[in-house]
Amino acid sequence: MKSDTWFLYVLRCGDNTLYTGVTTDIDRRLNEHNGSSKGARYTKSRRPVKLVCWTTFDDRSTAQKAEYKFKRLTRKQKELIIEKEVF
């Protein structure tokens, strides 16, 4: 999924916590989170991680603003978004 498009993605970690990030290549980033030293420190001790939801944005700035807003939601609100697959 490599492109000029930016993705906001949500991972479910092995301990059932959620991790949110932005990238231009979801496949690469998921592989990094699951088996590379380039994965986030948070996910390294919570492997395996699974991609549960994502959405696209035209630029990095917009994706990061959406990430900030998503991270401020409650766990329940995040789960509802994941369940409905609607950002």
N, C-alpha and C. Protein backbone atom coordinates (compact mmCIF):
# COMPACT_ATOMS: atom_id res chain seq x y z
N MET A 1 0.81 -1.20 0.00
CA MET A 1 0.00 0.00 0.00
C MET A 1 0.86 1.26 0.00
N LYS A 2 1.93 1.30 -0.70
CA LYS A 2 2.81 2.47 -0.76
C LYS A 2 2.25 3.47 -1.75
N SER A 3 2.18 4.74 -1.33
CA SER A 3 1.67 5.77 -2.22
C SER A 3 2.03 7.14 -1.66
N ASP A 4 1.57 8.17 -2.36
CA ASP A 4 1.74 9.53 -1.87
C ASP A 4 0.64 9.87 -0.86
N THR A 5 -0.31 9.00 -0.74
CA THR A 5 -1.40 9.15 0.22
C THR A 5 -0.89 8.85 1.62
N TRP A 6 -1.38 9.58 2.59
CA TRP A 6 -1.05 9.32 3.98
C TRP A 6 -2.17 8.53 4.62
N PHE A 7 -1.80 7.59 5.47
CA PHE A 7 -2.75 6.73 6.15
C PHE A 7 -2.69 6.97 7.65
N LEU A 8 -3.84 7.06 8.28
CA LEU A 8 -3.96 6.98 9.73
C LEU A 8 -4.36 5.54 9.98
N TYR A 9 -3.60 4.83 10.80
CA TYR A 9 -3.89 3.42 11.03
C TYR A 9 -4.00 3.13 12.53
N VAL A 10 -4.77 2.09 12.84
CA VAL A 10 -4.94 1.65 14.21
C VAL A 10 -4.58 0.18 14.29
N LEU A 11 -3.73 -0.15 15.25
CA LEU A 11 -3.31 -1.53 15.48
C LEU A 11 -3.88 -2.02 16.80
N ARG A 12 -4.24 -3.29 16.84
CA ARG A 12 -4.59 -3.93 18.11
C ARG A 12 -3.38 -4.76 18.50
N CYS A 13 -2.85 -4.46 19.67
CA CYS A 13 -1.65 -5.15 20.16
C CYS A 13 -2.02 -6.48 20.81
N GLY A 14 -1.01 -7.30 21.04
CA GLY A 14 -1.20 -8.60 21.64
C GLY A 14 -1.86 -8.56 23.01
N ASP A 15 -1.72 -7.44 23.73
CA ASP A 15 -2.35 -7.30 25.05
C ASP A 15 -3.69 -6.58 24.96
N ASN A 16 -4.23 -6.44 23.73
CA ASN A 16 -5.53 -5.85 23.43
C ASN A 16 -5.55 -4.32 23.57
N THR A 17 -4.40 -3.68 23.71
CA THR A 17 -4.36 -2.23 23.68
C THR A 17 -4.35 -1.77 22.23
N LEU A 18 -4.58 -0.47 22.02
CA LEU A 18 -4.61 0.08 20.68
C LEU A 18 -3.42 1.01 20.48
N TYR A 19 -2.88 0.99 19.27
CA TYR A 19 -1.78 1.88 18.89
C TYR A 19 -2.21 2.58 17.61
N THR A 20 -1.99 3.88 17.54
CA THR A 20 -2.37 4.67 16.37
C THR A 20 -1.15 5.37 15.81
N GLY A 21 -1.04 5.41 14.48
CA GLY A 21 0.07 6.09 13.83
C GLY A 21 -0.30 6.55 12.44
N VAL A 22 0.64 7.23 11.78
CA VAL A 22 0.46 7.66 10.39
C VAL A 22 1.65 7.18 9.57
N THR A 23 1.39 6.90 8.29
CA THR A 23 2.44 6.41 7.40
C THR A 23 1.99 6.57 5.95
N THR A 24 2.92 6.40 5.03
CA THR A 24 2.57 6.35 3.60
C THR A 24 2.56 4.92 3.10
N ASP A 25 2.99 3.97 3.95
CA ASP A 25 3.08 2.57 3.54
C ASP A 25 2.66 1.67 4.71
N ILE A 26 1.41 1.27 4.72
CA ILE A 26 0.87 0.49 5.84
C ILE A 26 1.55 -0.87 5.94
N ASP A 27 1.75 -1.56 4.83
CA ASP A 27 2.36 -2.90 4.87
C ASP A 27 3.76 -2.86 5.49
N ARG A 28 4.57 -1.91 5.05
CA ARG A 28 5.92 -1.78 5.60
C ARG A 28 5.86 -1.48 7.09
N ARG A 29 4.98 -0.56 7.47
CA ARG A 29 4.91 -0.15 8.86
C ARG A 29 4.42 -1.29 9.75
N LEU A 30 3.45 -2.06 9.28
CA LEU A 30 2.96 -3.20 10.04
C LEU A 30 4.08 -4.22 10.25
N ASN A 31 4.87 -4.48 9.21
CA ASN A 31 6.01 -5.39 9.34
C ASN A 31 7.03 -4.85 10.34
N GLU A 32 7.26 -3.55 10.33
CA GLU A 32 8.19 -2.95 11.28
C GLU A 32 7.68 -3.11 12.71
N HIS A 33 6.40 -2.89 12.92
CA HIS A 33 5.84 -3.03 14.27
C HIS A 33 5.92 -4.47 14.75
N ASN A 34 5.78 -5.44 13.85
CA ASN A 34 5.74 -6.84 14.26
C ASN A 34 7.10 -7.51 14.35
N GLY A 35 8.12 -6.99 13.66
CA GLY A 35 9.35 -7.77 13.69
C GLY A 35 10.63 -7.02 13.45
N SER A 36 10.62 -5.72 13.59
CA SER A 36 11.81 -4.95 13.27
C SER A 36 12.14 -4.01 14.42
N SER A 37 13.37 -3.57 14.45
CA SER A 37 13.76 -2.58 15.45
C SER A 37 13.21 -1.20 15.10
N LYS A 38 12.65 -1.05 13.92
CA LYS A 38 12.09 0.23 13.50
C LYS A 38 10.66 0.43 13.98
N GLY A 39 10.06 -0.61 14.57
CA GLY A 39 8.71 -0.48 15.11
C GLY A 39 8.72 0.44 16.32
N ALA A 40 7.56 0.91 16.69
CA ALA A 40 7.45 1.80 17.85
C ALA A 40 7.82 1.07 19.13
N ARG A 41 8.41 1.79 20.04
CA ARG A 41 8.80 1.22 21.33
C ARG A 41 7.58 0.60 22.03
N TYR A 42 6.44 1.26 21.90
CA TYR A 42 5.21 0.78 22.55
C TYR A 42 4.83 -0.61 22.06
N THR A 43 4.93 -0.85 20.76
CA THR A 43 4.47 -2.12 20.21
C THR A 43 5.49 -3.25 20.35
N LYS A 44 6.75 -2.93 20.60
CA LYS A 44 7.79 -3.96 20.69
C LYS A 44 7.51 -4.98 21.78
N SER A 45 6.95 -4.54 22.89
CA SER A 45 6.67 -5.46 23.99
C SER A 45 5.23 -5.96 23.97
N ARG A 46 4.49 -5.61 22.93
CA ARG A 46 3.08 -5.99 22.85
C ARG A 46 2.76 -6.73 21.56
N ARG A 47 3.74 -7.38 20.99
CA ARG A 47 3.56 -8.13 19.75
C ARG A 47 2.82 -9.43 20.02
N PRO A 48 2.12 -9.95 19.02
CA PRO A 48 1.96 -9.42 17.67
C PRO A 48 0.90 -8.32 17.63
N VAL A 49 1.02 -7.46 16.62
CA VAL A 49 0.01 -6.44 16.41
C VAL A 49 -0.75 -6.76 15.13
N LYS A 50 -2.00 -6.32 15.10
CA LYS A 50 -2.88 -6.58 13.95
C LYS A 50 -3.52 -5.27 13.51
N LEU A 51 -3.51 -5.03 12.22
CA LEU A 51 -4.15 -3.83 11.67
C LEU A 51 -5.67 -4.01 11.77
N VAL A 52 -6.34 -3.07 12.45
CA VAL A 52 -7.78 -3.21 12.63
C VAL A 52 -8.57 -2.14 11.89
N CYS A 53 -7.93 -1.05 11.48
CA CYS A 53 -8.67 0.00 10.80
C CYS A 53 -7.70 1.05 10.27
N TRP A 54 -8.09 1.70 9.17
CA TRP A 54 -7.27 2.78 8.61
C TRP A 54 -8.13 3.68 7.76
N THR A 55 -7.63 4.87 7.50
CA THR A 55 -8.27 5.82 6.61
C THR A 55 -7.18 6.63 5.91
N THR A 56 -7.54 7.30 4.83
CA THR A 56 -6.54 8.00 4.01
C THR A 56 -6.70 9.51 4.11
N PHE A 57 -5.57 10.18 3.85
CA PHE A 57 -5.52 11.64 3.84
C PHE A 57 -4.59 12.08 2.71
N ASP A 58 -4.80 13.29 2.23
CA ASP A 58 -4.01 13.82 1.12
C ASP A 58 -2.62 14.26 1.51
N ASP A 59 -2.43 14.59 2.80
CA ASP A 59 -1.12 15.07 3.22
C ASP A 59 -0.83 14.70 4.67
N ARG A 60 0.42 14.81 5.04
CA ARG A 60 0.88 14.40 6.36
C ARG A 60 0.23 15.24 7.46
N SER A 61 0.14 16.53 7.24
CA SER A 61 -0.40 17.42 8.25
C SER A 61 -1.83 17.04 8.63
N THR A 62 -2.66 16.80 7.65
CA THR A 62 -4.05 16.43 7.91
C THR A 62 -4.12 15.08 8.63
N ALA A 63 -3.28 14.15 8.22
CA ALA A 63 -3.25 12.83 8.86
C ALA A 63 -2.84 12.95 10.33
N GLN A 64 -1.85 13.77 10.60
CA GLN A 64 -1.38 13.92 11.98
C GLN A 64 -2.41 14.65 12.85
N LYS A 65 -3.15 15.57 12.28
CA LYS A 65 -4.21 16.24 13.04
C LYS A 65 -5.31 15.25 13.38
N ALA A 66 -5.64 14.38 12.44
CA ALA A 66 -6.66 13.35 12.69
C ALA A 66 -6.16 12.35 13.74
N GLU A 67 -4.87 12.02 13.68
CA GLU A 67 -4.28 11.11 14.67
C GLU A 67 -4.40 11.72 16.07
N TYR A 68 -4.10 12.98 16.19
CA TYR A 68 -4.19 13.67 17.48
C TYR A 68 -5.61 13.60 18.02
N LYS A 69 -6.59 13.88 17.16
CA LYS A 69 -7.99 13.84 17.58
C LYS A 69 -8.40 12.42 18.00
N PHE A 70 -7.98 11.42 17.22
CA PHE A 70 -8.33 10.03 17.53
C PHE A 70 -7.74 9.61 18.87
N LYS A 71 -6.51 9.99 19.13
CA LYS A 71 -5.85 9.60 20.36
C LYS A 71 -6.51 10.21 21.59
N ARG A 72 -7.22 11.30 21.43
CA ARG A 72 -7.88 11.96 22.54
C ARG A 72 -9.25 11.35 22.86
N LEU A 73 -9.74 10.46 22.00
CA LEU A 73 -11.02 9.80 22.25
C LEU A 73 -10.89 8.78 23.39
N THR A 74 -12.02 8.44 23.97
CA THR A 74 -12.01 7.39 24.98
C THR A 74 -11.85 6.04 24.29
N ARG A 75 -11.50 5.03 25.06
CA ARG A 75 -11.36 3.68 24.52
C ARG A 75 -12.68 3.23 23.88
N LYS A 76 -13.78 3.51 24.54
CA LYS A 76 -15.10 3.12 24.03
C LYS A 76 -15.38 3.79 22.68
N GLN A 77 -15.08 5.06 22.55
CA GLN A 77 -15.28 5.78 21.29
C GLN A 77 -14.41 5.19 20.19
N LYS A 78 -13.17 4.86 20.52
CA LYS A 78 -12.26 4.26 19.54
C LYS A 78 -12.79 2.91 19.07
N GLU A 79 -13.26 2.09 20.01
CA GLU A 79 -13.78 0.76 19.66
C GLU A 79 -15.01 0.87 18.75
N LEU A 80 -15.86 1.87 18.99
CA LEU A 80 -17.03 2.07 18.13
C LEU A 80 -16.61 2.43 16.70
N ILE A 81 -15.60 3.26 16.58
CA ILE A 81 -15.09 3.63 15.26
C ILE A 81 -14.52 2.40 14.56
N ILE A 82 -13.75 1.62 15.28
CA ILE A 82 -13.15 0.40 14.70
C ILE A 82 -14.24 -0.57 14.29
N GLU A 83 -15.23 -0.75 15.14
CA GLU A 83 -16.32 -1.68 14.86
C GLU A 83 -17.09 -1.28 13.60
N LYS A 84 -17.32 0.01 13.45
CA LYS A 84 -18.09 0.51 12.30
C LYS A 84 -17.20 0.78 11.10
N GLU A 85 -15.88 0.73 11.31
CA GLU A 85 -14.90 1.03 10.27
C GLU A 85 -15.18 2.39 9.63
N VAL A 86 -15.51 3.36 10.47
CA VAL A 86 -15.80 4.71 10.01
C VAL A 86 -14.95 5.70 10.78
N PHE A 87 -14.14 6.44 10.07
CA PHE A 87 -13.38 7.51 10.71
C PHE A 87 -14.11 8.81 10.51
